[in-house]
Amino acid sequence: MEQSAWDNLSYEEKNRQLFFQQKELLDTFLEHHSISKEQYDKSLGDLIVKMGIEATIQ
């Protein structure tokens, strides 16, 4: 995402974008067997809680 586009996002939109970037990283770790499914589930759950994201987007 371009810097100017990022600057125009609201706090909530930036938070949502950051969440999906972090989730994508967790997905990659799981795919490459760098973390277990249990670690993935725990980390994703923690991420959802800490970032205040609705659990329905899993």
PDB file of N, CA and C in Angstrom:
ATOM      1  N   MET A   1       0.846  -1.170   0.000  1.00  0.00           N
ATOM      2  CA  MET A   1       0.000   0.000   0.000  1.00  0.00           C
ATOM      3  C   MET A   1       0.893   1.236   0.000  1.00  0.00           C
ATOM      4  N   GLU A   2       0.541   2.200  -0.823  1.00  0.00           N
ATOM      5  CA  GLU A   2       1.302   3.436  -0.893  1.00  0.00           C
ATOM      6  C   GLU A   2       1.152   4.238   0.388  1.00  0.00           C
ATOM      7  N   GLN A   3       2.166   5.028   0.703  1.00  0.00           N
ATOM      8  CA  GLN A   3       2.145   5.821   1.921  1.00  0.00           C
ATOM      9  C   GLN A   3       0.955   6.779   1.944  1.00  0.00           C
ATOM     10  N   SER A   4       0.660   7.430   0.814  1.00  0.00           N
ATOM     11  CA  SER A   4      -0.442   8.390   0.791  1.00  0.00           C
ATOM     12  C   SER A   4      -1.784   7.687   1.030  1.00  0.00           C
ATOM     13  N   ALA A   5      -1.942   6.491   0.498  1.00  0.00           N
ATOM     14  CA  ALA A   5      -3.168   5.731   0.723  1.00  0.00           C
ATOM     15  C   ALA A   5      -3.264   5.328   2.190  1.00  0.00           C
ATOM     16  N   TRP A   6      -2.130   4.899   2.768  1.00  0.00           N
ATOM     17  CA  TRP A   6      -2.095   4.520   4.183  1.00  0.00           C
ATOM     18  C   TRP A   6      -2.469   5.709   5.065  1.00  0.00           C
ATOM     19  N   ASP A   7      -1.940   6.882   4.746  1.00  0.00           N
ATOM     20  CA  ASP A   7      -2.199   8.086   5.535  1.00  0.00           C
ATOM     21  C   ASP A   7      -3.676   8.460   5.538  1.00  0.00           C
ATOM     22  N   ASN A   8      -4.384   8.099   4.495  1.00  0.00           N
ATOM     23  CA  ASN A   8      -5.799   8.464   4.387  1.00  0.00           C
ATOM     24  C   ASN A   8      -6.735   7.482   5.078  1.00  0.00           C
ATOM     25  N   LEU A   9      -6.202   6.362   5.570  1.00  0.00           N
ATOM     26  CA  LEU A   9      -7.040   5.375   6.246  1.00  0.00           C
ATOM     27  C   LEU A   9      -7.353   5.827   7.669  1.00  0.00           C
ATOM     28  N   SER A  10      -8.513   5.427   8.148  1.00  0.00           N
ATOM     29  CA  SER A  10      -8.868   5.692   9.545  1.00  0.00           C
ATOM     30  C   SER A  10      -8.084   4.747  10.445  1.00  0.00           C
ATOM     31  N   TYR A  11      -8.102   5.031  11.742  1.00  0.00           N
ATOM     32  CA  TYR A  11      -7.431   4.167  12.710  1.00  0.00           C
ATOM     33  C   TYR A  11      -7.953   2.741  12.589  1.00  0.00           C
ATOM     34  N   GLU A  12      -9.269   2.584  12.493  1.00  0.00           N
ATOM     35  CA  GLU A  12      -9.868   1.255  12.405  1.00  0.00           C
ATOM     36  C   GLU A  12      -9.429   0.523  11.147  1.00  0.00           C
ATOM     37  N   GLU A  13      -9.349   1.244  10.023  1.00  0.00           N
ATOM     38  CA  GLU A  13      -8.920   0.622   8.768  1.00  0.00           C
ATOM     39  C   GLU A  13      -7.445   0.220   8.828  1.00  0.00           C
ATOM     40  N   LYS A  14      -6.615   1.072   9.434  1.00  0.00           N
ATOM     41  CA  LYS A  14      -5.200   0.727   9.602  1.00  0.00           C
ATOM     42  C   LYS A  14      -5.051  -0.497  10.492  1.00  0.00           C
ATOM     43  N   ASN A  15      -5.834  -0.540  11.565  1.00  0.00           N
ATOM     44  CA  ASN A  15      -5.795  -1.670  12.483  1.00  0.00           C
ATOM     45  C   ASN A  15      -6.190  -2.957  11.759  1.00  0.00           C
ATOM     46  N   ARG A  16      -7.213  -2.879  10.940  1.00  0.00           N
ATOM     47  CA  ARG A  16      -7.683  -4.038  10.185  1.00  0.00           C
ATOM     48  C   ARG A  16      -6.614  -4.509   9.184  1.00  0.00           C
ATOM     49  N   GLN A  17      -5.984  -3.569   8.491  1.00  0.00           N
ATOM     50  CA  GLN A  17      -4.918  -3.914   7.546  1.00  0.00           C
ATOM     51  C   GLN A  17      -3.751  -4.581   8.268  1.00  0.00           C
ATOM     52  N   LEU A  18      -3.365  -4.029   9.404  1.00  0.00           N
ATOM     53  CA  LEU A  18      -2.278  -4.604  10.190  1.00  0.00           C
ATOM     54  C   LEU A  18      -2.638  -6.011  10.651  1.00  0.00           C
ATOM     55  N   PHE A  19      -3.891  -6.198  11.089  1.00  0.00           N
ATOM     56  CA  PHE A  19      -4.337  -7.522  11.502  1.00  0.00           C
ATOM     57  C   PHE A  19      -4.144  -8.527  10.372  1.00  0.00           C
ATOM     58  N   PHE A  20      -4.587  -8.187   9.173  1.00  0.00           N
ATOM     59  CA  PHE A  20      -4.496  -9.125   8.059  1.00  0.00           C
ATOM     60  C   PHE A  20      -3.044  -9.383   7.652  1.00  0.00           C
ATOM     61  N   GLN A  21      -2.177  -8.393   7.789  1.00  0.00           N
ATOM     62  CA  GLN A  21      -0.754  -8.623   7.513  1.00  0.00           C
ATOM     63  C   GLN A  21      -0.169  -9.603   8.533  1.00  0.00           C
ATOM     64  N   GLN A  22      -0.524  -9.426   9.789  1.00  0.00           N
ATOM     65  CA  GLN A  22      -0.023 -10.316  10.833  1.00  0.00           C
ATOM     66  C   GLN A  22      -0.597 -11.727  10.675  1.00  0.00           C
ATOM     67  N   LYS A  23      -1.874 -11.818  10.301  1.00  0.00           N
ATOM     68  CA  LYS A  23      -2.499 -13.120  10.081  1.00  0.00           C
ATOM     69  C   LYS A  23      -1.825 -13.834   8.910  1.00  0.00           C
ATOM     70  N   GLU A  24      -1.512 -13.091   7.864  1.00  0.00           N
ATOM     71  CA  GLU A  24      -0.827 -13.678   6.711  1.00  0.00           C
ATOM     72  C   GLU A  24       0.532 -14.239   7.121  1.00  0.00           C
ATOM     73  N   LEU A  25       1.233 -13.538   7.997  1.00  0.00           N
ATOM     74  CA  LEU A  25       2.518 -14.023   8.487  1.00  0.00           C
ATOM     75  C   LEU A  25       2.335 -15.313   9.293  1.00  0.00           C
ATOM     76  N   LEU A  26       1.324 -15.342  10.163  1.00  0.00           N
ATOM     77  CA  LEU A  26       1.033 -16.567  10.913  1.00  0.00           C
ATOM     78  C   LEU A  26       0.690 -17.712   9.964  1.00  0.00           C
ATOM     79  N   ASP A  27      -0.104 -17.422   8.937  1.00  0.00           N
ATOM     80  CA  ASP A  27      -0.467 -18.438   7.945  1.00  0.00           C
ATOM     81  C   ASP A  27       0.788 -19.018   7.274  1.00  0.00           C
ATOM     82  N   THR A  28       1.732 -18.138   6.949  1.00  0.00           N
ATOM     83  CA  THR A  28       2.982 -18.573   6.319  1.00  0.00           C
ATOM     84  C   THR A  28       3.785 -19.456   7.259  1.00  0.00           C
ATOM     85  N   PHE A  29       3.889 -19.050   8.530  1.00  0.00           N
ATOM     86  CA  PHE A  29       4.603 -19.868   9.507  1.00  0.00           C
ATOM     87  C   PHE A  29       3.983 -21.257   9.609  1.00  0.00           C
ATOM     88  N   LEU A  30       2.655 -21.317   9.658  1.00  0.00           N
ATOM     89  CA  LEU A  30       1.963 -22.597   9.757  1.00  0.00           C
ATOM     90  C   LEU A  30       2.197 -23.436   8.502  1.00  0.00           C
ATOM     91  N   GLU A  31       2.094 -22.808   7.362  1.00  0.00           N
ATOM     92  CA  GLU A  31       2.283 -23.502   6.085  1.00  0.00           C
ATOM     93  C   GLU A  31       3.680 -24.112   5.973  1.00  0.00           C
ATOM     94  N   HIS A  32       4.676 -23.436   6.510  1.00  0.00           N
ATOM     95  CA  HIS A  32       6.061 -23.914   6.442  1.00  0.00           C
ATOM     96  C   HIS A  32       6.449 -24.734   7.669  1.00  0.00           C
ATOM     97  N   HIS A  33       5.461 -25.069   8.473  1.00  0.00           N
ATOM     98  CA  HIS A  33       5.656 -25.893   9.663  1.00  0.00           C
ATOM     99  C   HIS A  33       6.646 -25.273  10.655  1.00  0.00           C
ATOM    100  N   SER A  34       6.688 -23.939  10.663  1.00  0.00           N
ATOM    101  CA  SER A  34       7.539 -23.232  11.620  1.00  0.00           C
ATOM    102  C   SER A  34       6.876 -23.156  12.994  1.00  0.00           C
ATOM    103  N   ILE A  35       5.541 -23.249  12.988  1.00  0.00           N
ATOM    104  CA  ILE A  35       4.773 -23.291  14.229  1.00  0.00           C
ATOM    105  C   ILE A  35       3.735 -24.398  14.111  1.00  0.00           C
ATOM    106  N   SER A  36       3.292 -24.889  15.254  1.00  0.00           N
ATOM    107  CA  SER A  36       2.263 -25.936  15.256  1.00  0.00           C
ATOM    108  C   SER A  36       0.877 -25.297  15.099  1.00  0.00           C
ATOM    109  N   LYS A  37      -0.100 -26.132  14.811  1.00  0.00           N
ATOM    110  CA  LYS A  37      -1.484 -25.662  14.705  1.00  0.00           C
ATOM    111  C   LYS A  37      -1.941 -25.064  16.030  1.00  0.00           C
ATOM    112  N   GLU A  38      -1.508 -25.647  17.131  1.00  0.00           N
ATOM    113  CA  GLU A  38      -1.869 -25.132  18.453  1.00  0.00           C
ATOM    114  C   GLU A  38      -1.270 -23.743  18.672  1.00  0.00           C
ATOM    115  N   GLN A  39      -0.003 -23.559  18.272  1.00  0.00           N
ATOM    116  CA  GLN A  39       0.634 -22.247  18.397  1.00  0.00           C
ATOM    117  C   GLN A  39      -0.069 -21.221  17.500  1.00  0.00           C
ATOM    118  N   TYR A  40      -0.434 -21.663  16.307  1.00  0.00           N
ATOM    119  CA  TYR A  40      -1.148 -20.791  15.373  1.00  0.00           C
ATOM    120  C   TYR A  40      -2.474 -20.341  15.974  1.00  0.00           C
ATOM    121  N   ASP A  41      -3.252 -21.296  16.483  1.00  0.00           N
ATOM    122  CA  ASP A  41      -4.556 -20.975  17.062  1.00  0.00           C
ATOM    123  C   ASP A  41      -4.421 -20.020  18.244  1.00  0.00           C
ATOM    124  N   LYS A  42      -3.439 -20.271  19.098  1.00  0.00           N
ATOM    125  CA  LYS A  42      -3.209 -19.409  20.267  1.00  0.00           C
ATOM    126  C   LYS A  42      -2.813 -18.009  19.824  1.00  0.00           C
ATOM    127  N   SER A  43      -1.874 -17.925  18.899  1.00  0.00           N
ATOM    128  CA  SER A  43      -1.394 -16.625  18.433  1.00  0.00           C
ATOM    129  C   SER A  43      -2.490 -15.847  17.718  1.00  0.00           C
ATOM    130  N   LEU A  44      -3.268 -16.518  16.892  1.00  0.00           N
ATOM    131  CA  LEU A  44      -4.358 -15.848  16.185  1.00  0.00           C
ATOM    132  C   LEU A  44      -5.417 -15.372  17.177  1.00  0.00           C
ATOM    133  N   GLY A  45      -5.739 -16.201  18.146  1.00  0.00           N
ATOM    134  CA  GLY A  45      -6.706 -15.799  19.157  1.00  0.00           C
ATOM    135  C   GLY A  45      -6.231 -14.592  19.947  1.00  0.00           C
ATOM    136  N   ASP A  46      -4.966 -14.606  20.339  1.00  0.00           N
ATOM    137  CA  ASP A  46      -4.387 -13.466  21.058  1.00  0.00           C
ATOM    138  C   ASP A  46      -4.411 -12.208  20.201  1.00  0.00           C
ATOM    139  N   LEU A  47      -4.087 -12.356  18.922  1.00  0.00           N
ATOM    140  CA  LEU A  47      -4.083 -11.232  17.996  1.00  0.00           C
ATOM    141  C   LEU A  47      -5.480 -10.627  17.873  1.00  0.00           C
ATOM    142  N   ILE A  48      -6.478 -11.469  17.763  1.00  0.00           N
ATOM    143  CA  ILE A  48      -7.865 -10.998  17.656  1.00  0.00           C
ATOM    144  C   ILE A  48      -8.257 -10.209  18.895  1.00  0.00           C
ATOM    145  N   VAL A  49      -7.932 -10.740  20.064  1.00  0.00           N
ATOM    146  CA  VAL A  49      -8.294 -10.072  21.316  1.00  0.00           C
ATOM    147  C   VAL A  49      -7.547  -8.753  21.466  1.00  0.00           C
ATOM    148  N   LYS A  50      -6.234  -8.786  21.275  1.00  0.00           N
ATOM    149  CA  LYS A  50      -5.418  -7.598  21.494  1.00  0.00           C
ATOM    150  C   LYS A  50      -5.718  -6.479  20.513  1.00  0.00           C
ATOM    151  N   MET A  51      -6.109  -6.848  19.303  1.00  0.00           N
ATOM    152  CA  MET A  51      -6.384  -5.824  18.292  1.00  0.00           C
ATOM    153  C   MET A  51      -7.858  -5.465  18.229  1.00  0.00           C
ATOM    154  N   GLY A  52      -8.671  -6.144  19.015  1.00  0.00           N
ATOM    155  CA  GLY A  52     -10.091  -5.828  19.059  1.00  0.00           C
ATOM    156  C   GLY A  52     -10.814  -6.156  17.762  1.00  0.00           C
ATOM    157  N   ILE A  53     -10.369  -7.192  17.104  1.00  0.00           N
ATOM    158  CA  ILE A  53     -10.980  -7.613  15.843  1.00  0.00           C
ATOM    159  C   ILE A  53     -12.095  -8.595  16.139  1.00  0.00           C
ATOM    160  N   GLU A  54     -13.165  -8.516  15.384  1.00  0.00           N
ATOM    161  CA  GLU A  54     -14.280  -9.435  15.540  1.00  0.00           C
ATOM    162  C   GLU A  54     -13.852 -10.868  15.215  1.00  0.00           C
ATOM    163  N   ALA A  55     -14.235 -11.810  16.029  1.00  0.00           N
ATOM    164  CA  ALA A  55     -13.866 -13.209  15.830  1.00  0.00           C
ATOM    165  C   ALA A  55     -14.475 -13.784  14.552  1.00  0.00           C
ATOM    166  N   THR A  56     -15.471 -13.133  13.994  1.00  0.00           N
ATOM    167  CA  THR A  56     -16.128 -13.646  12.782  1.00  0.00           C
ATOM    168  C   THR A  56     -15.265 -13.555  11.543  1.00  0.00           C
ATOM    169  N   ILE A  57     -14.150 -12.828  11.588  1.00  0.00           N
ATOM    170  CA  ILE A  57     -13.324 -12.698  10.384  1.00  0.00           C
ATOM    171  C   ILE A  57     -12.300 -13.807  10.258  1.00  0.00           C
ATOM    172  N   GLN A  58     -12.266 -14.742  11.212  1.00  0.00           N
ATOM    173  CA  GLN A  58     -11.333 -15.854  11.107  1.00  0.00           C
ATOM    174  C   GLN A  58     -11.688 -16.634   9.896  1.00  0.00           C
TER     175      GLN A  58
END
